[in-house]
N, C-alpha and C. Protein backbone atom coordinates (compact mmCIF):
# COMPACT_ATOMS: atom_id res chain seq x y z
N MET A 1 0.81 -1.18 0.27
CA MET A 1 -0.16 0.35 0.72
C MET A 1 0.90 1.20 -0.16
N GLU A 2 0.61 2.24 -0.77
CA GLU A 2 1.59 3.24 -0.85
C GLU A 2 1.28 4.38 0.48
N ASP A 3 2.20 4.72 0.58
CA ASP A 3 2.48 6.17 1.86
C ASP A 3 1.60 7.29 1.35
N PHE A 4 -0.04 8.07 2.11
CA PHE A 4 -0.46 8.96 1.40
C PHE A 4 -0.15 9.95 1.96
N SER A 5 0.81 9.89 3.19
CA SER A 5 1.52 10.89 4.41
C SER A 5 1.82 12.40 3.68
N ALA A 6 2.04 12.16 2.87
CA ALA A 6 2.85 13.87 2.39
C ALA A 6 0.96 14.55 1.86
N GLN A 7 0.72 13.74 0.77
CA GLN A 7 -0.98 14.19 0.31
C GLN A 7 -2.16 15.05 1.74
N ALA A 8 -1.88 13.92 2.70
CA ALA A 8 -2.85 14.26 3.98
C ALA A 8 -2.26 15.28 4.40
N ARG A 9 -0.77 15.38 4.60
CA ARG A 9 -0.10 17.05 5.11
C ARG A 9 -0.43 17.88 4.34
N GLN A 10 -0.56 18.04 3.03
CA GLN A 10 -0.41 19.05 2.04
C GLN A 10 -2.35 19.52 2.55
N THR A 11 -3.17 18.39 2.48
CA THR A 11 -4.81 18.78 2.39
C THR A 11 -4.93 19.40 3.36
N HIS A 12 -4.32 19.15 4.87
CA HIS A 12 -4.78 19.64 6.08
C HIS A 12 -4.41 21.20 6.32
N ASP A 13 -2.59 21.35 4.93
CA ASP A 13 -2.52 23.01 5.82
C ASP A 13 -3.25 23.18 4.35
N PHE A 14 -3.69 22.66 2.91
CA PHE A 14 -4.75 23.69 2.41
C PHE A 14 -6.21 23.56 2.95
N ALA A 15 -6.42 23.11 4.38
CA ALA A 15 -7.67 23.56 4.81
C ALA A 15 -7.36 24.44 5.69
N ALA A 16 -6.05 24.65 6.33
CA ALA A 16 -5.93 25.85 7.48
C ALA A 16 -5.79 27.36 5.89
N GLN A 17 -5.33 26.91 5.69
CA GLN A 17 -5.26 28.36 4.40
C GLN A 17 -6.67 28.74 4.08
N THR A 18 -7.47 27.91 3.41
CA THR A 18 -8.97 28.37 2.90
C THR A 18 -9.51 28.57 4.38
N THR A 19 -9.30 28.11 5.59
CA THR A 19 -9.85 28.91 6.76
C THR A 19 -9.60 30.44 7.01
N ALA A 20 -7.79 30.49 6.71
CA ALA A 20 -7.47 32.08 6.84
C ALA A 20 -7.90 32.59 5.67
N THR A 21 -8.01 32.33 4.75
CA THR A 21 -8.48 33.20 3.63
C THR A 21 -9.76 33.39 3.84
N VAL A 22 -11.11 32.37 4.29
CA VAL A 22 -12.47 33.06 4.59
C VAL A 22 -12.24 33.75 5.34
N ARG A 23 -11.30 33.55 6.43
CA ARG A 23 -12.06 34.69 7.54
C ARG A 23 -11.10 36.13 7.11
N THR A 24 -10.86 36.39 5.82
CA THR A 24 -10.55 37.89 5.82
C THR A 24 -12.05 38.70 5.52
N VAL A 25 -12.53 37.66 4.85
CA VAL A 25 -14.36 38.63 5.20
C VAL A 25 -15.14 37.97 5.57
N CYS A 26 -14.82 37.01 6.77
CA CYS A 26 -15.84 36.66 7.53
C CYS A 26 -15.01 36.30 9.02
N LEU A 27 -14.76 36.91 9.61
CA LEU A 27 -13.83 36.61 11.29
C LEU A 27 -14.41 35.23 12.11
N ASP A 28 -15.41 34.60 11.95
CA ASP A 28 -15.97 33.80 12.69
C ASP A 28 -16.28 32.51 11.89
N ALA A 29 -15.92 32.64 10.74
CA ALA A 29 -16.07 31.02 9.81
C ALA A 29 -15.33 30.31 10.57
N PRO A 30 -16.34 29.06 10.38
CA PRO A 30 -16.00 27.75 10.96
C PRO A 30 -14.67 27.53 10.49
N ASP A 31 -14.00 26.20 10.95
CA ASP A 31 -12.64 25.62 10.59
C ASP A 31 -12.71 24.81 9.36
N TYR A 32 -12.09 25.26 8.01
CA TYR A 32 -12.49 23.90 7.09
C TYR A 32 -11.81 23.29 7.47
N VAL A 33 -12.52 21.75 6.88
CA VAL A 33 -11.43 20.67 7.34
C VAL A 33 -11.68 20.05 6.30
N ALA A 34 -10.50 18.80 6.24
CA ALA A 34 -9.69 17.93 5.39
C ALA A 34 -10.30 17.22 6.15
N GLN A 35 -11.11 15.73 5.22
CA GLN A 35 -11.13 14.62 5.09
C GLN A 35 -10.83 13.67 4.09
N ALA A 36 -9.97 12.32 4.43
CA ALA A 36 -9.76 11.78 3.63
C ALA A 36 -9.67 10.53 4.19
N ALA A 37 -9.32 9.56 2.88
CA ALA A 37 -9.87 8.14 2.54
C ALA A 37 -8.72 7.85 1.44
N VAL A 38 -8.31 6.39 2.02
CA VAL A 38 -7.91 5.20 1.23
C VAL A 38 -8.71 4.19 0.55
N ARG A 39 -9.17 4.11 -0.36
CA ARG A 39 -10.41 2.81 -0.83
C ARG A 39 -9.31 2.76 -2.03
N LYS A 40 -9.12 1.03 -2.28
CA LYS A 40 -8.69 0.17 -3.57
C LYS A 40 -7.11 1.01 -3.90
N ASN A 41 -6.35 1.09 -2.76
CA ASN A 41 -5.33 2.19 -3.08
C ASN A 41 -5.49 3.63 -3.64
N ILE A 42 -6.40 4.07 -3.78
CA ILE A 42 -7.02 5.50 -4.48
C ILE A 42 -7.16 6.27 -3.35
N TRP A 43 -6.37 8.02 -2.73
CA TRP A 43 -6.07 8.42 -1.86
C TRP A 43 -7.49 9.41 -2.83
N LYS A 44 -7.72 10.04 -1.49
CA LYS A 44 -9.33 10.76 -2.06
C LYS A 44 -9.50 11.79 -0.73
N ALA A 45 -9.44 12.97 -0.99
CA ALA A 45 -9.50 14.05 -0.03
C ALA A 45 -10.47 14.79 -0.39
N THR A 46 -11.50 15.83 0.97
CA THR A 46 -12.56 16.62 0.48
C THR A 46 -12.30 18.18 1.84
N VAL A 47 -12.10 18.86 1.16
CA VAL A 47 -11.80 20.03 1.85
C VAL A 47 -13.34 21.16 2.01
N ALA A 48 -13.87 20.92 3.03
CA ALA A 48 -15.31 21.88 3.27
C ALA A 48 -15.46 22.34 4.50
N THR A 49 -16.66 23.14 5.00
CA THR A 49 -16.59 23.37 6.38
C THR A 49 -17.48 22.46 6.49
N PRO A 50 -17.59 22.21 8.12
CA PRO A 50 -18.39 20.98 8.43
C PRO A 50 -19.56 21.00 8.06
N GLY A 51 -20.27 19.65 7.66
CA GLY A 51 -21.06 19.95 7.03
C GLY A 51 -21.66 20.23 5.73
N ASP A 52 -20.24 20.45 5.07
CA ASP A 52 -20.54 21.20 3.29
C ASP A 52 -21.51 22.62 3.44
N LYS A 53 -21.39 23.87 4.98
CA LYS A 53 -22.34 24.63 5.29
C LYS A 53 -22.02 25.64 4.68
N PRO A 54 -22.86 26.42 4.02
CA PRO A 54 -22.45 27.89 4.06
C PRO A 54 -21.86 28.73 4.66
N VAL A 55 -20.90 29.57 4.83
CA VAL A 55 -20.44 30.73 6.14
C VAL A 55 -21.13 31.95 5.74
N ALA A 56 -21.97 32.77 6.77
CA ALA A 56 -22.62 33.90 6.49
C ALA A 56 -21.53 34.92 6.48
N LEU A 57 -22.10 36.08 5.38
CA LEU A 57 -21.05 36.67 5.33
C LEU A 57 -22.15 38.19 6.06
N THR A 58 -21.50 39.05 6.84
CA THR A 58 -22.00 40.38 7.30
C THR A 58 -21.37 41.28 6.75
N VAL A 59 -22.36 43.00 7.29
CA VAL A 59 -21.89 44.09 7.03
C VAL A 59 -22.44 44.78 8.30
N ALA A 60 -21.87 45.21 9.05
CA ALA A 60 -22.42 45.94 10.55
C ALA A 60 -23.11 44.79 10.73
N GLY A 61 -22.66 43.73 11.21
CA GLY A 61 -23.68 42.71 11.74
C GLY A 61 -24.82 42.52 11.22
N ARG A 62 -25.24 42.91 10.12
CA ARG A 62 -26.51 42.12 9.09
C ARG A 62 -26.54 41.59 8.38
N ARG A 63 -26.16 40.05 8.44
CA ARG A 63 -26.22 38.75 7.20
C ARG A 63 -26.83 39.08 6.41
N LEU A 64 -25.74 39.54 4.82
CA LEU A 64 -26.42 39.70 3.45
C LEU A 64 -26.54 38.21 2.57
N LEU A 65 -25.16 37.33 2.87
CA LEU A 65 -25.14 36.75 1.60
C LEU A 65 -24.26 35.33 2.67
N ARG A 66 -24.16 34.59 1.79
CA ARG A 66 -23.52 32.97 2.32
C ARG A 66 -22.33 32.56 1.43
N LEU A 67 -21.29 32.09 1.88
CA LEU A 67 -20.10 31.81 0.86
C LEU A 67 -19.75 30.32 1.05
N LYS A 68 -19.82 29.52 -0.11
CA LYS A 68 -19.55 28.02 0.16
C LYS A 68 -18.40 27.70 -0.48
N VAL A 69 -17.46 27.27 -0.13
CA VAL A 69 -16.39 26.54 -0.84
C VAL A 69 -16.00 25.42 -0.14
N SER A 70 -15.82 24.83 -1.19
CA SER A 70 -15.49 23.43 -1.31
C SER A 70 -14.33 22.44 -2.41
N TYR A 71 -13.50 21.97 -1.80
CA TYR A 71 -12.70 21.13 -3.00
C TYR A 71 -12.81 19.95 -2.72
N GLU A 72 -12.41 19.24 -4.10
CA GLU A 72 -12.21 17.45 -3.61
C GLU A 72 -10.89 17.33 -4.25
N CYS A 73 -10.15 16.62 -4.02
CA CYS A 73 -8.79 16.14 -4.13
C CYS A 73 -8.48 14.93 -4.10
N THR A 74 -6.98 14.43 -5.16
CA THR A 74 -7.14 13.08 -5.25
C THR A 74 -5.63 13.25 -5.29
N ALA A 75 -4.61 12.02 -5.04
CA ALA A 75 -3.25 12.16 -5.09
C ALA A 75 -3.19 12.28 -7.01
N SER A 76 -1.74 12.48 -7.26
CA SER A 76 -1.21 13.05 -8.44
C SER A 76 -0.55 11.75 -8.51
N PRO A 77 -0.34 10.90 -10.27
CA PRO A 77 0.20 9.39 -10.35
C PRO A 77 1.83 10.23 -10.60
N ARG A 78 1.61 11.20 -10.76
CA ARG A 78 2.96 11.61 -11.51
C ARG A 78 3.91 12.30 -9.99
N HIS A 79 3.99 12.70 -9.18
CA HIS A 79 4.85 13.06 -8.05
C HIS A 79 3.38 13.08 -6.85
N SER A 80 4.46 13.30 -5.84
CA SER A 80 3.84 13.34 -4.19
C SER A 80 2.97 14.88 -4.00
N PHE A 81 2.47 15.23 -5.05
CA PHE A 81 1.14 16.61 -4.21
C PHE A 81 0.06 16.11 -4.54
N MET A 82 -0.70 16.90 -3.86
CA MET A 82 -2.65 16.27 -4.30
C MET A 82 -2.53 17.16 -5.47
N VAL A 83 -3.86 17.09 -5.69
CA VAL A 83 -4.46 17.14 -6.97
C VAL A 83 -5.91 17.54 -7.03
N VAL A 84 -5.95 19.21 -7.35
CA VAL A 84 -7.37 19.08 -6.83
C VAL A 84 -8.61 18.71 -8.42
N GLU A 85 -9.34 17.65 -7.87
CA GLU A 85 -10.34 16.83 -9.17
C GLU A 85 -11.52 18.12 -9.17
N LYS A 86 -12.00 18.93 -8.46
CA LYS A 86 -12.98 19.17 -8.54
C LYS A 86 -12.87 20.99 -7.29
N SER A 87 -14.13 22.23 -7.47
CA SER A 87 -13.72 22.82 -6.39
C SER A 87 -15.19 23.90 -6.66
N ALA A 88 -14.91 24.57 -5.96
CA ALA A 88 -16.52 25.41 -6.11
C ALA A 88 -16.95 26.28 -5.03
N PHE A 89 -17.21 27.80 -5.20
CA PHE A 89 -17.00 28.66 -4.47
C PHE A 89 -18.59 29.51 -4.69
N ILE A 90 -19.33 29.29 -4.25
CA ILE A 90 -20.65 29.59 -4.37
C ILE A 90 -20.93 30.58 -3.76
N LEU A 91 -21.62 31.55 -3.93
CA LEU A 91 -22.17 33.04 -3.19
C LEU A 91 -23.75 32.98 -3.23
N LEU A 92 -24.12 33.01 -2.33
CA LEU A 92 -25.66 32.56 -2.40
C LEU A 92 -26.45 33.78 -1.45
N PRO A 93 -27.67 34.22 -1.46
CA PRO A 93 -28.44 35.37 -0.99
C PRO A 93 -28.67 34.73 0.32
N ALA A 94 -28.57 35.86 1.58
CA ALA A 94 -28.28 35.40 2.67
C ALA A 94 -30.15 34.52 2.84
N GLN A 95 -30.93 34.72 2.12
CA GLN A 95 -32.09 33.67 2.05
C GLN A 95 -31.96 33.12 0.80
N GLY A 96 -32.94 31.55 0.72
CA GLY A 96 -32.74 31.02 -0.42
C GLY A 96 -31.83 30.76 -0.61
N SER A 97 -32.09 29.45 -2.09
CA SER A 97 -31.21 28.84 -2.05
C SER A 97 -30.78 28.87 -3.43
N GLU A 98 -30.94 29.33 -4.35
CA GLU A 98 -30.51 30.21 -5.52
C GLU A 98 -29.18 30.44 -5.93
N PRO A 99 -27.99 30.05 -6.02
CA PRO A 99 -27.13 31.04 -6.52
C PRO A 99 -27.04 32.46 -6.95
N LEU A 100 -26.05 33.52 -6.20
CA LEU A 100 -26.60 34.77 -7.24
C LEU A 100 -24.95 34.21 -8.12
N VAL A 101 -23.96 33.96 -7.58
CA VAL A 101 -22.66 33.78 -8.45
C VAL A 101 -22.26 32.32 -8.25
N ARG A 102 -21.54 31.63 -9.19
CA ARG A 102 -21.18 30.48 -9.13
C ARG A 102 -19.76 29.74 -9.36
N LEU A 103 -18.69 29.84 -9.24
CA LEU A 103 -17.93 29.31 -10.30
C LEU A 103 -17.08 27.78 -9.73
N GLU A 104 -17.38 27.01 -10.42
CA GLU A 104 -16.73 25.72 -10.33
C GLU A 104 -15.78 25.26 -11.33
N TYR A 105 -14.16 24.24 -11.07
CA TYR A 105 -13.92 24.17 -11.24
C TYR A 105 -13.62 22.44 -11.48
N LEU A 106 -13.88 21.68 -12.72
CA LEU A 106 -13.39 20.72 -13.49
C LEU A 106 -12.34 20.05 -13.69
N ARG A 107 -11.79 19.52 -12.99
CA ARG A 107 -10.31 19.11 -13.88
C ARG A 107 -10.63 18.01 -15.30
N HIS A 108 -11.24 17.08 -14.98
CA HIS A 108 -12.00 16.42 -16.09
C HIS A 108 -13.29 16.51 -16.46
N PRO A 109 -14.03 17.25 -16.85
CA PRO A 109 -15.57 17.77 -17.13
C PRO A 109 -15.71 16.50 -18.51
N ASN A 110 -17.02 16.03 -17.93
CA ASN A 110 -17.61 15.45 -18.79
C ASN A 110 -18.65 16.65 -20.41
N SER A 111 -17.23 17.04 -21.40
CA SER A 111 -17.88 18.10 -22.42
C SER A 111 -16.93 17.41 -23.50
N ASP A 112 -17.64 18.24 -24.39
CA ASP A 112 -16.67 18.01 -25.67
C ASP A 112 -16.34 20.03 -25.92
N TRP A 113 -16.52 20.32 -25.31
CA TRP A 113 -16.68 21.91 -25.48
C TRP A 113 -15.44 22.18 -24.79
N THR A 114 -14.24 22.88 -25.72
CA THR A 114 -12.98 23.25 -24.99
C THR A 114 -13.14 24.59 -25.28
N PHE A 115 -12.36 25.45 -24.31
CA PHE A 115 -11.65 26.94 -25.20
C PHE A 115 -10.47 26.55 -25.00
N ASP A 116 -9.73 26.98 -26.02
CA ASP A 116 -8.50 26.71 -26.91
C ASP A 116 -7.62 25.64 -26.26
N GLY A 117 -8.42 24.04 -26.53
CA GLY A 117 -8.19 22.82 -26.34
C GLY A 117 -8.41 22.62 -25.29
N ASP A 118 -8.23 23.60 -23.84
CA ASP A 118 -8.84 23.37 -22.62
C ASP A 118 -9.96 22.79 -21.89
N SER A 119 -10.08 21.69 -21.45
CA SER A 119 -11.29 21.06 -21.59
C SER A 119 -11.27 21.18 -19.65
N ARG A 120 -10.70 22.12 -19.16
CA ARG A 120 -11.00 22.58 -17.80
C ARG A 120 -12.41 24.00 -18.11
N PHE A 121 -12.79 24.33 -19.30
CA PHE A 121 -13.58 25.55 -19.56
C PHE A 121 -14.45 25.25 -20.46
N ARG A 122 -15.91 25.21 -19.41
CA ARG A 122 -16.89 24.50 -20.18
C ARG A 122 -17.99 25.58 -20.51
N CYS A 123 -18.54 25.31 -21.53
CA CYS A 123 -19.75 26.42 -22.09
C CYS A 123 -21.04 25.62 -21.66
N ASP A 124 -21.96 26.62 -20.88
CA ASP A 124 -23.37 25.91 -20.64
C ASP A 124 -24.25 26.80 -21.38
N TRP A 125 -24.59 26.14 -22.76
CA TRP A 125 -25.39 26.98 -23.62
C TRP A 125 -26.70 27.41 -23.14
N SER A 126 -27.54 26.35 -22.23
CA SER A 126 -28.74 26.88 -21.39
C SER A 126 -28.33 28.44 -20.97
N THR A 127 -27.27 28.52 -19.98
CA THR A 127 -27.08 30.15 -19.31
C THR A 127 -27.06 31.25 -20.56
N TYR A 128 -26.24 30.55 -21.55
CA TYR A 128 -25.41 31.40 -23.07
C TYR A 128 -27.41 32.12 -23.77
N ASP A 129 -27.87 30.90 -23.68
CA ASP A 129 -29.53 31.30 -24.70
C ASP A 129 -30.03 32.13 -23.89
N ALA A 130 -30.15 31.98 -22.79
CA ALA A 130 -30.89 32.62 -21.41
C ALA A 130 -30.44 33.95 -21.60
N LEU A 131 -28.76 34.71 -21.50
CA LEU A 131 -28.49 35.62 -21.98
C LEU A 131 -28.68 36.18 -23.17
N ALA A 132 -29.25 35.50 -23.94
CA ALA A 132 -28.53 36.15 -25.58
C ALA A 132 -30.43 36.27 -25.45
N LEU A 133 -31.70 35.85 -24.70
CA LEU A 133 -32.59 35.99 -24.70
C LEU A 133 -33.00 37.51 -24.35
N THR A 134 -32.33 37.85 -22.97
CA THR A 134 -32.45 38.99 -22.37
C THR A 134 -31.58 40.16 -22.66
N CYS A 135 -30.86 39.99 -22.85
CA CYS A 135 -29.54 40.86 -23.56
C CYS A 135 -29.04 40.40 -24.84
N PRO A 136 -29.70 40.20 -25.83
CA PRO A 136 -28.87 39.78 -27.37
C PRO A 136 -27.97 40.63 -27.34
N ALA A 137 -27.21 41.88 -26.98
CA ALA A 137 -25.93 42.34 -27.40
C ALA A 137 -24.88 42.16 -26.93
N ALA A 138 -25.34 41.39 -25.74
CA ALA A 138 -24.07 40.46 -25.23
C ALA A 138 -24.01 39.82 -25.65
N THR A 139 -24.02 38.95 -26.58
CA THR A 139 -23.96 37.58 -27.37
C THR A 139 -24.00 37.57 -29.03
N SER A 140 -22.79 36.88 -29.42
CA SER A 140 -22.14 37.27 -30.72
C SER A 140 -23.21 35.99 -31.17
N ARG A 141 -23.49 34.86 -30.73
CA ARG A 141 -23.99 33.63 -31.16
C ARG A 141 -25.30 34.18 -32.28
N SER A 142 -25.47 33.62 -33.59
CA SER A 142 -26.86 34.77 -33.75
C SER A 142 -28.18 33.75 -33.29
N THR A 143 -29.49 34.45 -33.16
CA THR A 143 -30.30 33.56 -33.11
C THR A 143 -31.13 33.92 -33.98
N PRO A 144 -31.97 32.81 -34.24
CA PRO A 144 -33.53 32.98 -35.47
C PRO A 144 -34.24 34.05 -35.11
N THR A 145 -34.29 34.89 -35.91
CA THR A 145 -35.41 36.02 -35.79
C THR A 145 -36.56 35.76 -36.92
N ALA A 146 -37.62 36.28 -36.52
CA ALA A 146 -39.06 35.81 -37.09
C ALA A 146 -39.08 37.47 -38.28
N THR A 147 -38.92 37.64 -39.94
CA THR A 147 -38.90 38.78 -40.14
C THR A 147 -40.96 38.89 -41.03
N THR A 148 -41.31 40.11 -40.75
CA THR A 148 -42.26 40.06 -41.97
C THR A 148 -41.71 40.96 -43.14
N GLY A 149 -42.63 40.66 -44.35
CA GLY A 149 -42.42 41.61 -45.49
C GLY A 149 -41.29 40.92 -46.33
N PRO A 150 -40.59 42.10 -47.52
CA PRO A 150 -40.10 41.19 -47.94
C PRO A 150 -38.84 41.23 -47.30
N SER A 151 -37.54 40.65 -47.71
CA SER A 151 -36.49 40.77 -47.40
C SER A 151 -35.86 41.60 -48.14
N PRO A 152 -34.27 42.65 -47.53
CA PRO A 152 -33.73 43.39 -48.09
C PRO A 152 -32.94 43.09 -49.09
């Protein structure tokens, strides 16, 4: 069985760094916790708040937003470092569950769409189409339009 102590150390350090970073905007944020397990000689870890609950962000004591940060990691087959497989940064309103902003990283996305050959960037056409309907000038993909009368 392989020794994953280096990755375990890195993950716990990463959780501490994540805690320190989030506490720059929320002093009473809980500690981010690293949980690791080895199954079939594959090391995997998560870094998140206890119960993966969002952190309340306040201004002058008034709760305005909630921030959820999480990571899923694994061991690199090439070196002794951990690799982030998936991460999410989600900004939610104080009340409600619909994200205001959501940034996600997927190391191996299930998509055939790439940006300059880099498969880490995904395109969600449903979001694009919604933007095109609400603000056509913001998009460059042409959308079929109905016309009346003779064509110019």
